[in-house]
Amino acid sequence: MRMPLAGRRILVTQCREFMGPPLCEVLAEHGAEVVADPRPLAEPSAAAQLVRETGRIDVLVANLALRAPTTAVAEVSEAEWREVFAALVDPLPRLFAAVLPEMTARRQGKILVIGSASALRGMKRASTYSAARGAQLSYVQAVGVEVAPHNVQVNAIAQNFVDNPTYFPPEVQANPRFQERLQREVPLGRLVSAREDVEFAAYLCSDAASCFVGQVFPVCGGWVTR
């Protein structure tokens, strides 16, 4: 049986939220040694501490999550803005600063950010969340081309309409209005399954995907253009 991630030590952040549980399961199935850490990383020293505790990291999967506020744009508070960016954006440069020196020194490593397609399409009452997710993707694009000459690949998945308990819990999926929305907006007519999503993530963590640098891959079941 082919194990494309055999021997790889992969750190998955916020392992109990967003895509964390299926990521840990599927990466392990592909042979990886998965270090699954549940802690939020908003506190400034948390990322560096996590990397120190983990030791060698061949692949970092930055899985950062926070329930998206639905505030009208004129009513967004400074506190909301800071909370969302502290959870979703600020940990990235700290994580990258902690893992990249070793990766570039040995000329081997991968970073995959699990992001959101909300940054790729206008969404009402999601200005704070969309801005933060957009910042993630821009950061990946810039860092990806910078570190590519060191044989380190940095990419992102920008997903929406993917089954996960953080953004599409069972009560949301059972709502008839949400089911109608799926039929109206998603050509698949359903959510992308968690396994479909994380199998693609596993591919991006493997040597087979070493040709991709600074790329943002939409995974959202397609969107109806309006």
Protein backbone atom coordinates (compact mmCIF):
# COMPACT_ATOMS: atom_id res chain seq x y z
CA MET A 1 0.00 0.00 0.00
CA ARG A 2 1.46 3.36 -1.03
CA MET A 3 2.02 5.74 1.89
CA PRO A 4 2.93 9.10 0.31
CA LEU A 5 3.41 10.81 3.68
CA ALA A 6 5.41 8.05 5.38
CA GLY A 7 8.14 9.49 7.56
CA ARG A 8 6.67 13.01 7.46
CA ARG A 9 6.11 14.79 10.75
CA ILE A 10 3.07 17.03 10.30
CA LEU A 11 1.81 19.62 12.77
CA VAL A 12 -1.92 20.37 12.59
CA THR A 13 -3.05 23.41 14.56
CA GLN A 14 -6.45 23.82 16.25
CA CYS A 15 -6.92 20.10 15.68
CA ARG A 16 -10.40 19.94 17.22
CA GLU A 17 -11.92 22.69 15.07
CA PHE A 18 -12.66 23.45 11.42
CA MET A 19 -10.94 20.71 9.35
CA GLY A 20 -8.75 19.51 12.20
CA PRO A 21 -10.28 16.08 12.99
CA PRO A 22 -10.50 14.78 9.39
CA LEU A 23 -7.08 16.24 8.59
CA CYS A 24 -5.47 14.33 11.43
CA GLU A 25 -7.25 11.12 10.46
CA VAL A 26 -6.45 11.21 6.74
CA LEU A 27 -2.86 12.43 7.10
CA ALA A 28 -2.20 9.53 9.48
CA GLU A 29 -3.82 7.11 7.01
CA HIS A 30 -1.29 8.30 4.43
CA GLY A 31 1.57 7.44 6.77
CA ALA A 32 2.33 10.75 8.46
CA GLU A 33 3.28 11.16 12.09
CA VAL A 34 0.65 13.73 13.04
CA VAL A 35 1.21 16.15 15.90
CA ALA A 36 -2.31 17.34 16.66
CA ASP A 37 -2.49 20.43 18.83
CA PRO A 38 -5.82 21.88 20.02
CA ARG A 39 -4.79 25.23 21.44
CA PRO A 40 -5.87 28.57 19.93
CA LEU A 41 -2.91 30.67 18.87
CA ALA A 42 -4.11 34.23 19.40
CA GLU A 43 -1.75 34.81 22.33
CA PRO A 44 1.48 36.29 20.88
CA SER A 45 3.87 33.67 22.30
CA ALA A 46 1.67 30.64 21.63
CA ALA A 47 2.90 29.84 18.11
CA ALA A 48 6.60 29.88 18.96
CA GLN A 49 5.96 27.82 22.07
CA LEU A 50 4.02 25.24 20.09
CA VAL A 51 6.81 24.86 17.52
CA ARG A 52 9.44 24.54 20.26
CA GLU A 53 7.42 21.80 21.95
CA THR A 54 6.83 19.98 18.67
CA GLY A 55 10.43 19.78 17.51
CA ARG A 56 11.15 18.86 13.90
CA ILE A 57 8.27 19.73 11.56
CA ASP A 58 8.28 18.53 7.97
CA VAL A 59 4.86 19.99 7.18
CA LEU A 60 2.87 22.67 8.96
CA VAL A 61 -0.88 22.64 8.38
CA ALA A 62 -2.14 25.99 9.66
CA ASN A 63 -5.77 25.20 10.43
CA LEU A 64 -7.06 28.38 12.11
CA ALA A 65 -10.72 28.87 12.92
CA LEU A 66 -13.16 31.28 14.54
CA ARG A 67 -16.91 31.48 14.13
CA ALA A 68 -17.57 34.22 11.61
CA PRO A 69 -19.35 37.34 12.91
CA THR A 70 -22.36 38.48 10.89
CA THR A 71 -22.19 42.17 11.73
CA ALA A 72 -23.35 44.85 9.31
CA VAL A 73 -20.29 46.70 8.04
CA ALA A 74 -21.16 50.06 9.63
CA GLU A 75 -21.57 48.34 12.99
CA VAL A 76 -18.29 46.42 13.10
CA SER A 77 -16.48 47.31 16.30
CA GLU A 78 -12.76 47.67 16.87
CA ALA A 79 -13.00 44.73 19.28
CA GLU A 80 -14.57 42.46 16.65
CA TRP A 81 -11.95 43.39 14.07
CA ARG A 82 -9.09 42.74 16.45
CA GLU A 83 -10.54 39.46 17.73
CA VAL A 84 -10.95 38.02 14.24
CA PHE A 85 -7.52 39.12 13.02
CA ALA A 86 -5.90 37.93 16.26
CA ALA A 87 -7.33 34.46 15.73
CA LEU A 88 -6.96 34.05 11.96
CA VAL A 89 -4.17 36.34 10.73
CA ASP A 90 -1.72 37.22 13.51
CA PRO A 91 -0.71 33.58 14.22
CA LEU A 92 0.50 33.04 10.65
CA PRO A 93 3.67 35.17 10.67
CA ARG A 94 4.50 33.81 14.12
CA LEU A 95 4.10 30.21 12.97
CA PHE A 96 6.03 30.87 9.77
CA ALA A 97 8.85 32.63 11.63
CA ALA A 98 9.13 29.64 13.93
CA VAL A 99 9.24 26.89 11.28
CA LEU A 100 10.82 28.49 8.20
CA PRO A 101 14.43 28.89 9.42
CA GLU A 102 14.80 25.13 9.91
CA MET A 103 12.92 24.30 6.70
CA THR A 104 15.00 26.65 4.57
CA ALA A 105 18.24 25.48 6.20
CA ARG A 106 17.58 21.85 5.29
CA ARG A 107 15.96 22.88 1.98
CA GLN A 108 12.83 20.88 2.60
CA GLY A 109 9.42 21.66 4.02
CA LYS A 110 5.83 22.49 3.29
CA ILE A 111 3.23 24.81 4.79
CA LEU A 112 -0.44 24.51 3.96
CA VAL A 113 -2.94 27.10 5.17
CA ILE A 114 -6.55 25.95 5.42
CA GLY A 115 -8.38 29.14 4.48
CA SER A 116 -11.72 30.26 3.17
CA ALA A 117 -13.16 31.19 -0.20
CA SER A 118 -15.05 34.01 1.52
CA ALA A 119 -12.05 36.09 0.49
CA LEU A 120 -12.73 35.35 -3.18
CA ARG A 121 -16.36 36.39 -3.40
CA GLY A 122 -18.35 39.22 -1.86
CA MET A 123 -20.50 38.04 1.04
CA LYS A 124 -22.95 40.24 2.90
CA ARG A 125 -22.40 40.82 6.63
CA ALA A 126 -19.00 39.11 6.51
CA SER A 127 -16.64 42.04 6.05
CA THR A 128 -14.41 41.30 9.06
CA TYR A 129 -14.15 37.57 8.46
CA SER A 130 -13.64 37.95 4.71
CA ALA A 131 -10.91 40.54 5.23
CA ALA A 132 -9.06 38.26 7.62
CA ARG A 133 -9.33 35.26 5.33
CA GLY A 134 -8.18 37.44 2.43
CA ALA A 135 -5.13 38.52 4.41
CA GLN A 136 -4.26 34.85 4.91
CA LEU A 137 -4.34 34.17 1.19
CA SER A 138 -2.30 37.24 0.27
CA TYR A 139 0.29 36.29 2.86
CA VAL A 140 0.56 32.78 1.41
CA GLN A 141 1.03 34.12 -2.11
CA ALA A 142 3.81 36.49 -1.05
CA VAL A 143 5.66 34.06 1.22
CA GLY A 144 5.23 31.21 -1.24
CA VAL A 145 7.24 32.87 -3.98
CA GLU A 146 9.82 34.16 -1.49
CA VAL A 147 10.72 30.79 0.01
CA ALA A 148 10.32 28.69 -3.15
CA PRO A 149 14.03 28.99 -4.06
CA HIS A 150 14.79 27.25 -0.74
CA ASN A 151 12.69 24.24 -1.81
CA VAL A 152 9.96 25.09 0.67
CA GLN A 153 6.41 25.06 -0.67
CA VAL A 154 3.75 27.30 0.85
CA ASN A 155 0.17 27.05 -0.44
CA ALA A 156 -3.42 27.48 0.72
CA ILE A 157 -6.82 25.91 0.29
CA ALA A 158 -9.61 28.49 0.04
CA GLN A 159 -12.74 26.55 0.86
CA ASN A 160 -16.43 27.08 1.30
CA PHE A 161 -19.42 24.76 1.36
CA VAL A 162 -17.19 22.06 2.85
CA ASP A 163 -18.66 19.89 5.57
CA ASN A 164 -17.21 20.83 8.96
CA PRO A 165 -18.64 21.38 12.44
CA THR A 166 -17.29 24.91 12.89
CA TYR A 167 -19.01 26.64 9.98
CA PHE A 168 -21.66 24.11 8.93
CA PRO A 169 -22.79 22.33 12.11
CA PRO A 170 -25.62 19.76 11.93
CA GLU A 171 -28.30 22.28 12.88
CA VAL A 172 -27.31 24.51 9.95
CA GLN A 173 -27.21 21.61 7.50
CA ALA A 174 -30.68 20.49 8.62
CA ASN A 175 -32.20 23.91 8.04
CA PRO A 176 -34.45 23.87 4.92
CA ARG A 177 -33.33 27.40 4.01
CA PHE A 178 -29.70 26.24 3.96
CA GLN A 179 -30.61 23.22 1.84
CA GLU A 180 -32.33 25.56 -0.61
CA ARG A 181 -29.24 27.75 -0.65
CA LEU A 182 -27.08 24.75 -1.57
CA GLN A 183 -29.34 23.98 -4.51
CA ARG A 184 -29.33 27.63 -5.59
CA GLU A 185 -25.66 28.52 -5.17
CA VAL A 186 -23.65 25.30 -5.38
CA PRO A 187 -23.62 23.35 -8.65
CA LEU A 188 -22.89 20.12 -6.76
CA GLY A 189 -26.12 20.64 -4.83
CA ARG A 190 -24.37 19.49 -1.68
CA LEU A 191 -21.48 20.25 0.61
CA VAL A 192 -18.05 18.99 -0.35
CA SER A 193 -17.36 16.15 2.06
CA ALA A 194 -14.66 16.54 4.68
CA ARG A 195 -12.76 13.59 3.21
CA GLU A 196 -12.85 15.03 -0.32
CA ASP A 197 -11.33 18.23 1.05
CA VAL A 198 -8.64 16.71 3.25
CA GLU A 199 -7.56 14.14 0.66
CA PHE A 200 -6.64 17.14 -1.48
CA ALA A 201 -4.84 18.66 1.51
CA ALA A 202 -2.91 15.41 1.94
CA TYR A 203 -1.85 15.59 -1.71
CA LEU A 204 -0.58 19.15 -1.20
CA CYS A 205 1.47 17.90 1.76
CA SER A 206 3.17 15.25 -0.38
CA ASP A 207 6.19 15.32 -2.69
CA ALA A 208 3.84 15.00 -5.66
CA ALA A 209 2.76 18.61 -5.10
CA SER A 210 6.22 20.16 -4.85
CA CYS A 211 5.66 22.07 -8.10
CA PHE A 212 3.06 24.35 -6.47
CA VAL A 213 4.28 27.49 -4.68
CA GLY A 214 2.26 30.45 -3.42
CA GLN A 215 -0.93 28.98 -4.84
CA VAL A 216 -4.49 29.37 -3.55
CA PHE A 217 -6.71 26.43 -4.46
CA PRO A 218 -10.48 27.01 -4.23
CA VAL A 219 -12.41 24.03 -2.87
CA CYS A 220 -16.06 24.98 -2.74
CA GLY A 221 -18.16 22.71 -4.94
CA GLY A 222 -18.34 25.41 -7.58
CA TRP A 223 -20.30 28.65 -7.36
CA VAL A 224 -23.10 29.90 -9.47
CA THR A 225 -21.95 33.20 -11.01
CA ARG A 226 -24.41 35.99 -10.37
